[in-house]
Every structure is written in C-alpha cells, then in structure tokens.
Amino acid sequence: MNGPKKLNLINAEKNVAIIALRGGKEFNQKIVSMGIHIGAELTVIEAEPPRGGAMLIGVNGTRLMLGHGMAKKIFVREL
C-alpha cells in the first residue's frame, strides 16, 4: 500500500484519495468549499512544476487550479 504524500509531489495522470488536510481553519473552509475533503478522490491533470507553481486537478467533474501553498497542505494516497 502506498504511504501518504503531499499532493504537490504527485505526478500527472495519477488518481489519489485525500487522507488529511494540514491547514488552518480558513484553509480548511476554503478547500472544503471547493469540494476537496477527506475521503474525496481526485485526478492530477497537470502536475506542479519542479520549482513550484500551480497544478491542475479534477474533482467531482470540475477542474481546479491549486497553488503550491495549498497543494502541499493536502495529504493523499495513490489509488
């Protein structure tokens, strides 16, 4: 079984399940309002560039851009 990884370290075209959110109250409220919550499954469409930046994900039929700061606070396991 794959161990937990930060979302920003996942390669493109990978499916993952969210296992933890490691942000403050405002971060958690914002991310949950985007449909990203513990147990949700998402697809990494475009991975974060090696030097940081935004990544494109798909969740619940919607494409979302996440910045480096947000992506590194989301812990996932590969499916």
C-alpha atoms as a PDB file:
ATOM      1  CA  MET A   1       0.000   0.000   0.000  1.00  0.00           C
ATOM      2  CA  ASN A   2       1.208   3.496  -0.806  1.00  0.00           C
ATOM      3  CA  GLY A   3       2.014   5.795   2.077  1.00  0.00           C
ATOM      4  CA  PRO A   4       0.745   9.363   2.424  1.00  0.00           C
ATOM      5  CA  LYS A   5       2.271  12.039   0.176  1.00  0.00           C
ATOM      6  CA  LYS A   6       1.750  15.743  -0.228  1.00  0.00           C
ATOM      7  CA  LEU A   7      -0.438  16.484  -3.240  1.00  0.00           C
ATOM      8  CA  ASN A   8       2.195  18.760  -4.776  1.00  0.00           C
ATOM      9  CA  LEU A   9       4.502  15.726  -5.154  1.00  0.00           C
ATOM     10  CA  ILE A  10       2.062  13.628  -7.215  1.00  0.00           C
ATOM     11  CA  ASN A  11       2.704  13.193 -10.941  1.00  0.00           C
ATOM     12  CA  ALA A  12       0.223  13.980 -13.698  1.00  0.00           C
ATOM     13  CA  GLU A  13      -2.407  11.403 -14.654  1.00  0.00           C
ATOM     14  CA  LYS A  14      -2.500   9.896 -11.155  1.00  0.00           C
ATOM     15  CA  ASN A  15      -5.663   9.252  -9.157  1.00  0.00           C
ATOM     16  CA  VAL A  16      -5.494   9.880  -5.429  1.00  0.00           C
ATOM     17  CA  ALA A  17      -7.685   9.920  -2.329  1.00  0.00           C
ATOM     18  CA  ILE A  18      -7.383  12.686   0.236  1.00  0.00           C
ATOM     19  CA  ILE A  19      -6.416  11.400   3.659  1.00  0.00           C
ATOM     20  CA  ALA A  20      -5.599  14.626   5.569  1.00  0.00           C
ATOM     21  CA  LEU A  21      -5.774  18.408   5.376  1.00  0.00           C
ATOM     22  CA  ARG A  22      -2.987  20.195   7.245  1.00  0.00           C
ATOM     23  CA  GLY A  23      -4.048  23.827   7.177  1.00  0.00           C
ATOM     24  CA  GLY A  24      -5.722  26.257   9.486  1.00  0.00           C
ATOM     25  CA  LYS A  25      -9.418  26.945   9.822  1.00  0.00           C
ATOM     26  CA  GLU A  26      -9.580  29.329   6.833  1.00  0.00           C
ATOM     27  CA  PHE A  27      -7.660  26.923   4.598  1.00  0.00           C
ATOM     28  CA  ASN A  28      -9.894  24.018   5.568  1.00  0.00           C
ATOM     29  CA  GLN A  29     -13.072  26.034   4.950  1.00  0.00           C
ATOM     30  CA  LYS A  30     -11.845  27.221   1.539  1.00  0.00           C
ATOM     31  CA  ILE A  31     -10.663  23.807   0.387  1.00  0.00           C
ATOM     32  CA  VAL A  32     -13.859  22.048   1.522  1.00  0.00           C
ATOM     33  CA  SER A  33     -15.936  24.675  -0.310  1.00  0.00           C
ATOM     34  CA  MET A  34     -14.054  23.616  -3.470  1.00  0.00           C
ATOM     35  CA  GLY A  35     -15.196  20.006  -2.991  1.00  0.00           C
ATOM     36  CA  ILE A  36     -11.871  18.839  -1.591  1.00  0.00           C
ATOM     37  CA  HIS A  37     -12.344  16.956   1.674  1.00  0.00           C
ATOM     38  CA  ILE A  38     -11.030  13.879   3.450  1.00  0.00           C
ATOM     39  CA  GLY A  39     -12.105  10.812   1.506  1.00  0.00           C
ATOM     40  CA  ALA A  40     -12.588  12.664  -1.789  1.00  0.00           C
ATOM     41  CA  GLU A  41     -10.938  11.188  -4.872  1.00  0.00           C
ATOM     42  CA  LEU A  42      -9.270  13.404  -7.439  1.00  0.00           C
ATOM     43  CA  THR A  43      -7.126  13.213 -10.539  1.00  0.00           C
ATOM     44  CA  VAL A  44      -3.929  15.181 -11.067  1.00  0.00           C
ATOM     45  CA  ILE A  45      -4.312  16.527 -14.603  1.00  0.00           C
ATOM     46  CA  GLU A  46      -1.163  18.670 -14.713  1.00  0.00           C
ATOM     47  CA  ALA A  47       1.456  18.195 -12.010  1.00  0.00           C
ATOM     48  CA  GLU A  48       3.115  21.063 -10.207  1.00  0.00           C
ATOM     49  CA  PRO A  49       6.287  22.226 -11.973  1.00  0.00           C
ATOM     50  CA  PRO A  50       9.525  21.144 -10.212  1.00  0.00           C
ATOM     51  CA  ARG A  51      10.246  24.669  -8.951  1.00  0.00           C
ATOM     52  CA  GLY A  52       6.749  25.248  -7.612  1.00  0.00           C
ATOM     53  CA  GLY A  53       3.654  26.783  -9.101  1.00  0.00           C
ATOM     54  CA  ALA A  54       0.066  25.829  -9.772  1.00  0.00           C
ATOM     55  CA  MET A  55      -1.225  22.366 -10.560  1.00  0.00           C
ATOM     56  CA  LEU A  56      -4.444  21.369 -12.310  1.00  0.00           C
ATOM     57  CA  ILE A  57      -6.672  18.760 -10.660  1.00  0.00           C
ATOM     58  CA  GLY A  58     -10.038  17.239 -11.387  1.00  0.00           C
ATOM     59  CA  VAL A  59     -12.525  16.670  -8.577  1.00  0.00           C
ATOM     60  CA  ASN A  60     -16.231  15.878  -8.829  1.00  0.00           C
ATOM     61  CA  GLY A  61     -16.261  16.640 -12.558  1.00  0.00           C
ATOM     62  CA  THR A  62     -14.668  20.077 -12.059  1.00  0.00           C
ATOM     63  CA  ARG A  63     -11.167  21.228 -12.949  1.00  0.00           C
ATOM     64  CA  LEU A  64      -9.407  23.336 -10.317  1.00  0.00           C
ATOM     65  CA  MET A  65      -6.060  25.102 -10.115  1.00  0.00           C
ATOM     66  CA  LEU A  66      -4.230  24.787  -6.810  1.00  0.00           C
ATOM     67  CA  GLY A  67      -1.177  26.805  -5.899  1.00  0.00           C
ATOM     68  CA  HIS A  68       1.911  25.298  -4.319  1.00  0.00           C
ATOM     69  CA  GLY A  69       0.993  26.507  -0.819  1.00  0.00           C
ATOM     70  CA  MET A  70      -2.401  24.822  -0.901  1.00  0.00           C
ATOM     71  CA  ALA A  71      -1.230  21.615  -2.583  1.00  0.00           C
ATOM     72  CA  LYS A  72       1.482  20.963  -0.006  1.00  0.00           C
ATOM     73  CA  LYS A  73      -1.106  21.040   2.822  1.00  0.00           C
ATOM     74  CA  ILE A  74      -3.189  18.240   1.271  1.00  0.00           C
ATOM     75  CA  PHE A  75      -2.040  14.684   2.031  1.00  0.00           C
ATOM     76  CA  VAL A  76      -3.111  11.910  -0.302  1.00  0.00           C
ATOM     77  CA  ARG A  77      -2.594   8.259  -1.132  1.00  0.00           C
ATOM     78  CA  GLU A  78      -2.375   6.995  -4.682  1.00  0.00           C
ATOM     79  CA  LEU A  79      -5.164   4.741  -5.899  1.00  0.00           C
END
